[in-house]
Amino acid sequence: MKRFVVLVVVLATLSATAQKHEGPRTGKSAKADMTAAQIATLRTKKLTLALDLNEGQQKQVMEISLEEAEMRKAKHEEIKTKKEGGEWRKPTPDERFEIENARLDYQIAHHQKMKKVLSDEQYQTWKKLKLRKGIKSKKKMQEKGRRG
């Protein structure tokens, strides 16, 4: 009788943990359905709250955020169409270098734009926010078993 109870408990535990967990992070993200302007507006408002931006700074940050959001949407759509068309393939090491180099050049230009718009204190706070976000995202990727 004891063995039967232990067997039932083990099977119940295994079946409960083997279920597919459908949470808010599975499937498409909420931002996938938003337009570039909506994403830029949300990002600008978050930075306004975090950095106490004035009206002029808000407009400039909105322009920068809109440009970035449009670029991200375009890249996402390009990759999506390549995957659907069967044209997507894993990049070679040289292509990976070029992609990473272009990404870093874009980040440097983005930082320079933000430095022009923000005061020194705001810029330092913004850099800390970016660093903290990067650490969190890297940690999440490691938890999911992805790169990082």
N, C-alpha and C. Protein backbone atom coordinates (compact mmCIF):
# COMPACT_ATOMS: atom_id res chain seq x y z
N MET A 1 0.82 -1.20 0.00
CA MET A 1 0.00 0.00 0.00
C MET A 1 0.86 1.26 0.00
N LYS A 2 1.97 1.22 0.80
CA LYS A 2 2.86 2.37 0.85
C LYS A 2 3.47 2.64 -0.52
N ARG A 3 3.87 1.60 -1.21
CA ARG A 3 4.47 1.76 -2.53
C ARG A 3 3.48 2.38 -3.51
N PHE A 4 2.23 1.97 -3.40
CA PHE A 4 1.21 2.51 -4.28
C PHE A 4 1.03 4.00 -4.04
N VAL A 5 1.01 4.43 -2.78
CA VAL A 5 0.85 5.85 -2.44
C VAL A 5 2.05 6.65 -2.93
N VAL A 6 3.25 6.11 -2.73
CA VAL A 6 4.46 6.78 -3.19
C VAL A 6 4.44 6.90 -4.71
N LEU A 7 4.03 5.85 -5.39
CA LEU A 7 3.95 5.87 -6.85
C LEU A 7 2.96 6.91 -7.34
N VAL A 8 1.81 7.02 -6.69
CA VAL A 8 0.80 8.01 -7.06
C VAL A 8 1.34 9.43 -6.85
N VAL A 9 2.02 9.66 -5.73
CA VAL A 9 2.57 10.98 -5.44
C VAL A 9 3.64 11.35 -6.47
N VAL A 10 4.51 10.41 -6.82
CA VAL A 10 5.56 10.68 -7.80
C VAL A 10 4.95 10.98 -9.16
N LEU A 11 3.97 10.18 -9.58
CA LEU A 11 3.33 10.41 -10.88
C LEU A 11 2.58 11.75 -10.91
N ALA A 12 1.92 12.09 -9.81
CA ALA A 12 1.21 13.36 -9.75
C ALA A 12 2.18 14.53 -9.83
N THR A 13 3.31 14.43 -9.15
CA THR A 13 4.31 15.48 -9.19
C THR A 13 4.90 15.63 -10.59
N LEU A 14 5.21 14.52 -11.23
CA LEU A 14 5.77 14.57 -12.57
C LEU A 14 4.78 15.15 -13.57
N SER A 15 3.53 14.75 -13.46
CA SER A 15 2.55 15.27 -14.42
C SER A 15 2.28 16.75 -14.19
N ALA A 16 2.34 17.20 -12.96
CA ALA A 16 2.12 18.63 -12.68
C ALA A 16 3.28 19.48 -13.19
N THR A 17 4.51 19.00 -13.04
CA THR A 17 5.66 19.79 -13.48
C THR A 17 5.91 19.68 -14.97
N ALA A 18 5.36 18.67 -15.61
CA ALA A 18 5.60 18.48 -17.05
C ALA A 18 4.62 19.28 -17.91
N GLN A 19 3.68 19.96 -17.29
CA GLN A 19 2.70 20.73 -18.04
C GLN A 19 3.36 21.95 -18.66
N LYS A 20 2.84 22.34 -19.80
CA LYS A 20 3.35 23.53 -20.49
C LYS A 20 2.91 24.77 -19.71
N HIS A 21 3.88 25.59 -19.33
CA HIS A 21 3.56 26.80 -18.58
C HIS A 21 3.32 27.93 -19.55
N GLU A 22 2.10 28.40 -19.59
CA GLU A 22 1.78 29.51 -20.47
C GLU A 22 1.62 30.76 -19.62
N GLY A 23 2.61 31.59 -19.68
CA GLY A 23 2.59 32.81 -18.91
C GLY A 23 2.65 34.01 -19.83
N PRO A 24 2.84 35.17 -19.25
CA PRO A 24 2.87 36.38 -20.06
C PRO A 24 4.08 36.46 -20.98
N ARG A 25 5.12 35.66 -20.75
CA ARG A 25 6.33 35.76 -21.56
C ARG A 25 6.37 34.79 -22.73
N THR A 26 5.37 33.93 -22.85
CA THR A 26 5.39 32.99 -23.96
C THR A 26 4.73 33.62 -25.18
N GLY A 27 5.16 33.21 -26.34
CA GLY A 27 4.56 33.72 -27.57
C GLY A 27 5.07 35.10 -27.92
N LYS A 28 4.22 35.87 -28.59
CA LYS A 28 4.61 37.21 -29.03
C LYS A 28 4.67 38.16 -27.84
N SER A 29 5.56 39.11 -27.92
CA SER A 29 5.62 40.12 -26.88
C SER A 29 4.56 41.18 -27.14
N ALA A 30 4.25 41.96 -26.13
CA ALA A 30 3.23 42.99 -26.27
C ALA A 30 3.67 44.07 -27.25
N LYS A 31 4.97 44.30 -27.34
CA LYS A 31 5.48 45.34 -28.23
C LYS A 31 5.41 44.95 -29.70
N ALA A 32 5.24 43.66 -29.98
CA ALA A 32 5.19 43.23 -31.37
C ALA A 32 3.97 43.79 -32.09
N ASP A 33 2.90 44.06 -31.36
CA ASP A 33 1.68 44.58 -31.95
C ASP A 33 1.65 46.11 -32.00
N MET A 34 2.58 46.76 -31.33
CA MET A 34 2.59 48.22 -31.29
C MET A 34 3.30 48.80 -32.51
N THR A 35 2.92 50.04 -32.83
CA THR A 35 3.61 50.75 -33.90
C THR A 35 4.90 51.34 -33.35
N ALA A 36 5.76 51.78 -34.24
CA ALA A 36 7.03 52.39 -33.81
C ALA A 36 6.76 53.66 -33.00
N ALA A 37 5.74 54.43 -33.39
CA ALA A 37 5.41 55.66 -32.67
C ALA A 37 4.94 55.36 -31.26
N GLN A 38 4.16 54.30 -31.09
CA GLN A 38 3.69 53.94 -29.75
C GLN A 38 4.84 53.50 -28.86
N ILE A 39 5.74 52.71 -29.41
CA ILE A 39 6.91 52.25 -28.65
C ILE A 39 7.77 53.45 -28.24
N ALA A 40 7.99 54.37 -29.18
CA ALA A 40 8.81 55.55 -28.91
C ALA A 40 8.15 56.43 -27.85
N THR A 41 6.84 56.57 -27.91
CA THR A 41 6.13 57.37 -26.91
C THR A 41 6.28 56.77 -25.52
N LEU A 42 6.11 55.46 -25.41
CA LEU A 42 6.26 54.82 -24.10
C LEU A 42 7.68 54.95 -23.57
N ARG A 43 8.66 54.75 -24.44
CA ARG A 43 10.05 54.86 -24.01
C ARG A 43 10.37 56.28 -23.56
N THR A 44 9.85 57.27 -24.29
CA THR A 44 10.09 58.67 -23.94
C THR A 44 9.45 58.99 -22.59
N LYS A 45 8.26 58.52 -22.36
CA LYS A 45 7.58 58.79 -21.08
C LYS A 45 8.29 58.12 -19.92
N LYS A 46 8.81 56.91 -20.14
CA LYS A 46 9.56 56.24 -19.08
C LYS A 46 10.83 57.02 -18.75
N LEU A 47 11.52 57.52 -19.79
CA LEU A 47 12.72 58.31 -19.54
C LEU A 47 12.38 59.64 -18.90
N THR A 48 11.24 60.23 -19.25
CA THR A 48 10.82 61.48 -18.63
C THR A 48 10.62 61.29 -17.14
N LEU A 49 10.01 60.18 -16.76
CA LEU A 49 9.81 59.89 -15.34
C LEU A 49 11.13 59.61 -14.63
N ALA A 50 12.00 58.87 -15.27
CA ALA A 50 13.26 58.48 -14.63
C ALA A 50 14.26 59.63 -14.56
N LEU A 51 14.28 60.51 -15.59
CA LEU A 51 15.32 61.53 -15.69
C LEU A 51 14.80 62.95 -15.49
N ASP A 52 13.50 63.11 -15.32
CA ASP A 52 12.89 64.43 -15.13
C ASP A 52 13.25 65.36 -16.30
N LEU A 53 12.85 64.95 -17.50
CA LEU A 53 13.16 65.70 -18.71
C LEU A 53 12.23 66.90 -18.85
N ASN A 54 12.76 67.99 -19.44
CA ASN A 54 11.91 69.15 -19.74
C ASN A 54 11.27 68.95 -21.11
N GLU A 55 10.44 69.90 -21.53
CA GLU A 55 9.70 69.76 -22.80
C GLU A 55 10.63 69.61 -24.01
N GLY A 56 11.65 70.43 -24.09
CA GLY A 56 12.58 70.36 -25.21
C GLY A 56 13.30 69.02 -25.27
N GLN A 57 13.73 68.57 -24.11
CA GLN A 57 14.41 67.28 -24.04
C GLN A 57 13.46 66.14 -24.43
N GLN A 58 12.20 66.25 -24.00
CA GLN A 58 11.22 65.21 -24.34
C GLN A 58 11.05 65.10 -25.85
N LYS A 59 10.98 66.24 -26.54
CA LYS A 59 10.81 66.23 -27.99
C LYS A 59 12.02 65.59 -28.67
N GLN A 60 13.21 65.95 -28.22
CA GLN A 60 14.42 65.40 -28.82
C GLN A 60 14.56 63.90 -28.54
N VAL A 61 14.24 63.49 -27.31
CA VAL A 61 14.30 62.08 -26.96
C VAL A 61 13.25 61.30 -27.76
N MET A 62 12.09 61.92 -27.98
CA MET A 62 11.04 61.28 -28.77
C MET A 62 11.53 61.02 -30.20
N GLU A 63 12.22 62.00 -30.79
CA GLU A 63 12.75 61.84 -32.14
C GLU A 63 13.77 60.69 -32.19
N ILE A 64 14.66 60.66 -31.21
CA ILE A 64 15.68 59.61 -31.15
C ILE A 64 15.02 58.24 -30.95
N SER A 65 14.05 58.18 -30.05
CA SER A 65 13.36 56.92 -29.77
C SER A 65 12.56 56.44 -30.98
N LEU A 66 11.94 57.37 -31.69
CA LEU A 66 11.16 57.02 -32.87
C LEU A 66 12.07 56.45 -33.97
N GLU A 67 13.21 57.09 -34.16
CA GLU A 67 14.17 56.60 -35.15
C GLU A 67 14.63 55.18 -34.80
N GLU A 68 14.93 54.96 -33.52
CA GLU A 68 15.39 53.66 -33.08
C GLU A 68 14.28 52.60 -33.22
N ALA A 69 13.06 52.95 -32.84
CA ALA A 69 11.95 52.01 -32.92
C ALA A 69 11.65 51.63 -34.37
N GLU A 70 11.71 52.61 -35.27
CA GLU A 70 11.47 52.32 -36.69
C GLU A 70 12.54 51.40 -37.25
N MET A 71 13.80 51.63 -36.85
CA MET A 71 14.89 50.78 -37.32
C MET A 71 14.69 49.35 -36.81
N ARG A 72 14.33 49.21 -35.53
CA ARG A 72 14.13 47.88 -34.96
C ARG A 72 12.97 47.14 -35.64
N LYS A 73 11.88 47.87 -35.90
CA LYS A 73 10.73 47.26 -36.57
C LYS A 73 11.12 46.79 -37.97
N ALA A 74 11.87 47.62 -38.69
CA ALA A 74 12.29 47.27 -40.04
C ALA A 74 13.17 46.02 -40.03
N LYS A 75 14.13 45.97 -39.11
CA LYS A 75 15.01 44.80 -39.02
C LYS A 75 14.20 43.55 -38.67
N HIS A 76 13.26 43.71 -37.74
CA HIS A 76 12.43 42.58 -37.33
C HIS A 76 11.61 42.05 -38.50
N GLU A 77 11.03 42.95 -39.26
CA GLU A 77 10.23 42.55 -40.41
C GLU A 77 11.09 41.88 -41.49
N GLU A 78 12.29 42.40 -41.68
CA GLU A 78 13.21 41.82 -42.67
C GLU A 78 13.56 40.38 -42.31
N ILE A 79 13.90 40.16 -41.05
CA ILE A 79 14.26 38.81 -40.60
C ILE A 79 13.04 37.90 -40.67
N LYS A 80 11.89 38.43 -40.29
CA LYS A 80 10.65 37.64 -40.31
C LYS A 80 10.32 37.18 -41.73
N THR A 81 10.44 38.07 -42.71
CA THR A 81 10.15 37.69 -44.09
C THR A 81 11.17 36.69 -44.62
N LYS A 82 12.44 36.84 -44.22
CA LYS A 82 13.45 35.88 -44.64
C LYS A 82 13.17 34.50 -44.06
N LYS A 83 12.76 34.45 -42.79
CA LYS A 83 12.46 33.16 -42.17
C LYS A 83 11.25 32.51 -42.81
N GLU A 84 10.22 33.31 -43.09
CA GLU A 84 9.02 32.76 -43.71
C GLU A 84 9.29 32.30 -45.14
N GLY A 85 10.16 33.00 -45.84
CA GLY A 85 10.49 32.64 -47.22
C GLY A 85 11.53 31.54 -47.34
N GLY A 86 12.08 31.13 -46.21
CA GLY A 86 13.08 30.08 -46.24
C GLY A 86 14.46 30.57 -46.66
N GLU A 87 14.65 31.87 -46.72
CA GLU A 87 15.94 32.42 -47.14
C GLU A 87 16.91 32.60 -45.98
N TRP A 88 16.39 32.54 -44.74
CA TRP A 88 17.22 32.82 -43.58
C TRP A 88 18.18 31.66 -43.35
N ARG A 89 19.43 32.04 -43.07
CA ARG A 89 20.44 31.06 -42.72
C ARG A 89 21.31 31.65 -41.63
N LYS A 90 22.02 30.80 -40.94
CA LYS A 90 22.89 31.24 -39.86
C LYS A 90 24.05 32.03 -40.45
N PRO A 91 24.35 33.23 -39.90
CA PRO A 91 25.43 34.03 -40.47
C PRO A 91 26.81 33.39 -40.25
N THR A 92 27.68 33.63 -41.20
CA THR A 92 29.05 33.15 -41.10
C THR A 92 29.79 34.01 -40.07
N PRO A 93 30.95 33.58 -39.61
CA PRO A 93 31.70 34.39 -38.64
C PRO A 93 32.00 35.81 -39.16
N ASP A 94 32.30 35.95 -40.44
CA ASP A 94 32.56 37.28 -41.00
C ASP A 94 31.29 38.13 -40.99
N GLU A 95 30.18 37.52 -41.35
CA GLU A 95 28.90 38.25 -41.33
C GLU A 95 28.52 38.62 -39.90
N ARG A 96 28.77 37.71 -38.96
CA ARG A 96 28.49 37.99 -37.56
C ARG A 96 29.32 39.18 -37.07
N PHE A 97 30.60 39.22 -37.49
CA PHE A 97 31.46 40.35 -37.13
C PHE A 97 30.90 41.66 -37.69
N GLU A 98 30.48 41.65 -38.95
CA GLU A 98 29.93 42.85 -39.57
C GLU A 98 28.65 43.31 -38.86
N ILE A 99 27.78 42.36 -38.52
CA ILE A 99 26.54 42.70 -37.82
C ILE A 99 26.85 43.31 -36.46
N GLU A 100 27.75 42.67 -35.73
CA GLU A 100 28.10 43.17 -34.39
C GLU A 100 28.79 44.53 -34.47
N ASN A 101 29.65 44.71 -35.47
CA ASN A 101 30.34 45.98 -35.67
C ASN A 101 29.34 47.10 -35.97
N ALA A 102 28.38 46.81 -36.84
CA ALA A 102 27.35 47.80 -37.17
C ALA A 102 26.49 48.13 -35.96
N ARG A 103 26.18 47.11 -35.16
CA ARG A 103 25.37 47.33 -33.95
C ARG A 103 26.11 48.23 -32.96
N LEU A 104 27.39 47.97 -32.78
CA LEU A 104 28.18 48.79 -31.85
C LEU A 104 28.34 50.22 -32.35
N ASP A 105 28.53 50.40 -33.67
CA ASP A 105 28.59 51.75 -34.24
C ASP A 105 27.30 52.50 -33.99
N TYR A 106 26.17 51.80 -34.15
CA TYR A 106 24.87 52.42 -33.90
C TYR A 106 24.73 52.81 -32.43
N GLN A 107 25.19 51.94 -31.53
CA GLN A 107 25.11 52.24 -30.09
C GLN A 107 25.95 53.46 -29.74
N ILE A 108 27.13 53.56 -30.32
CA ILE A 108 28.00 54.72 -30.05
C ILE A 108 27.31 55.99 -30.52
N ALA A 109 26.74 55.97 -31.72
CA ALA A 109 26.03 57.14 -32.24
C ALA A 109 24.83 57.48 -31.37
N HIS A 110 24.12 56.45 -30.90
CA HIS A 110 22.95 56.67 -30.03
C HIS A 110 23.37 57.32 -28.72
N HIS A 111 24.46 56.85 -28.14
CA HIS A 111 24.96 57.43 -26.89
C HIS A 111 25.36 58.90 -27.10
N GLN A 112 25.99 59.20 -28.24
CA GLN A 112 26.39 60.57 -28.51
C GLN A 112 25.17 61.49 -28.66
N LYS A 113 24.13 61.00 -29.32
CA LYS A 113 22.90 61.78 -29.46
C LYS A 113 22.27 62.06 -28.10
N MET A 114 22.22 61.03 -27.27
CA MET A 114 21.62 61.19 -25.94
C MET A 114 22.47 62.13 -25.07
N LYS A 115 23.78 62.09 -25.23
CA LYS A 115 24.66 62.96 -24.46
C LYS A 115 24.43 64.43 -24.81
N LYS A 116 24.11 64.70 -26.10
CA LYS A 116 23.82 66.07 -26.53
C LYS A 116 22.51 66.57 -25.93
N VAL A 117 21.54 65.68 -25.79
CA VAL A 117 20.22 66.07 -25.31
C VAL A 117 20.18 66.20 -23.79
N LEU A 118 20.81 65.29 -23.08
CA LEU A 118 20.71 65.23 -21.62
C LEU A 118 21.81 66.04 -20.94
N SER A 119 21.51 66.47 -19.72
CA SER A 119 22.54 67.11 -18.90
C SER A 119 23.50 66.02 -18.43
N ASP A 120 24.64 66.43 -17.83
CA ASP A 120 25.62 65.45 -17.39
C ASP A 120 25.04 64.49 -16.36
N GLU A 121 24.30 65.02 -15.41
CA GLU A 121 23.69 64.19 -14.36
C GLU A 121 22.66 63.24 -14.96
N GLN A 122 21.83 63.74 -15.86
CA GLN A 122 20.82 62.90 -16.51
C GLN A 122 21.49 61.81 -17.35
N TYR A 123 22.56 62.17 -18.03
CA TYR A 123 23.26 61.21 -18.87
C TYR A 123 23.84 60.07 -18.03
N GLN A 124 24.44 60.41 -16.89
CA GLN A 124 25.00 59.38 -16.01
C GLN A 124 23.90 58.46 -15.49
N THR A 125 22.76 59.02 -15.12
CA THR A 125 21.63 58.22 -14.66
C THR A 125 21.13 57.32 -15.79
N TRP A 126 21.05 57.86 -17.00
CA TRP A 126 20.60 57.09 -18.16
C TRP A 126 21.54 55.92 -18.43
N LYS A 127 22.85 56.16 -18.32
CA LYS A 127 23.82 55.09 -18.53
C LYS A 127 23.66 54.00 -17.47
N LYS A 128 23.40 54.38 -16.23
CA LYS A 128 23.18 53.39 -15.18
C LYS A 128 21.93 52.56 -15.46
N LEU A 129 20.88 53.22 -15.95
CA LEU A 129 19.66 52.51 -16.30
C LEU A 129 19.92 51.51 -17.42
N LYS A 130 20.66 51.94 -18.45
CA LYS A 130 20.98 51.05 -19.57
C LYS A 130 21.82 49.86 -19.09
N LEU A 131 22.78 50.11 -18.22
CA LEU A 131 23.64 49.04 -17.71
C LEU A 131 22.81 48.05 -16.91
N ARG A 132 21.94 48.55 -16.05
CA ARG A 132 21.10 47.69 -15.23
C ARG A 132 20.18 46.84 -16.10
N LYS A 133 19.62 47.46 -17.14
CA LYS A 133 18.74 46.73 -18.06
C LYS A 133 19.51 45.65 -18.79
N GLY A 134 20.73 45.96 -19.21
CA GLY A 134 21.56 44.98 -19.91
C GLY A 134 21.90 43.79 -19.03
N ILE A 135 22.19 44.05 -17.78
CA ILE A 135 22.51 42.96 -16.84
C ILE A 135 21.30 42.08 -16.62
N LYS A 136 20.12 42.71 -16.47
CA LYS A 136 18.90 41.94 -16.26
C LYS A 136 18.57 41.07 -17.46
N SER A 137 18.70 41.63 -18.67
CA SER A 137 18.37 40.86 -19.86
C SER A 137 19.35 39.72 -20.06
N LYS A 138 20.62 39.94 -19.75
CA LYS A 138 21.62 38.88 -19.88
C LYS A 138 21.30 37.76 -18.90
N LYS A 139 20.90 38.11 -17.70
CA LYS A 139 20.56 37.12 -16.69
C LYS A 139 19.34 36.30 -17.13
N LYS A 140 18.34 36.95 -17.72
CA LYS A 140 17.14 36.25 -18.19
C LYS A 140 17.49 35.29 -19.32
N MET A 141 18.38 35.70 -20.23
CA MET A 141 18.77 34.82 -21.32
C MET A 141 19.50 33.60 -20.80
N GLN A 142 20.34 33.79 -19.76
CA GLN A 142 21.05 32.66 -19.19
C GLN A 142 20.08 31.69 -18.52
N GLU A 143 19.04 32.24 -17.87
CA GLU A 143 18.04 31.38 -17.22
C GLU A 143 17.27 30.56 -18.25
N LYS A 144 17.03 31.16 -19.42
CA LYS A 144 16.28 30.46 -20.46
C LYS A 144 17.17 29.52 -21.28
N GLY A 145 18.47 29.53 -21.00
CA GLY A 145 19.38 28.65 -21.73
C GLY A 145 19.83 29.20 -23.05
N ARG A 146 19.68 30.49 -23.24
CA ARG A 146 20.13 31.11 -24.48
C ARG A 146 21.54 31.62 -24.27
N ARG A 147 22.02 32.34 -25.28
CA ARG A 147 23.38 32.89 -25.20
C ARG A 147 23.46 33.93 -24.09
N GLY A 148 24.68 34.30 -23.74
CA GLY A 148 24.85 35.37 -22.79
C GLY A 148 25.86 35.08 -21.74
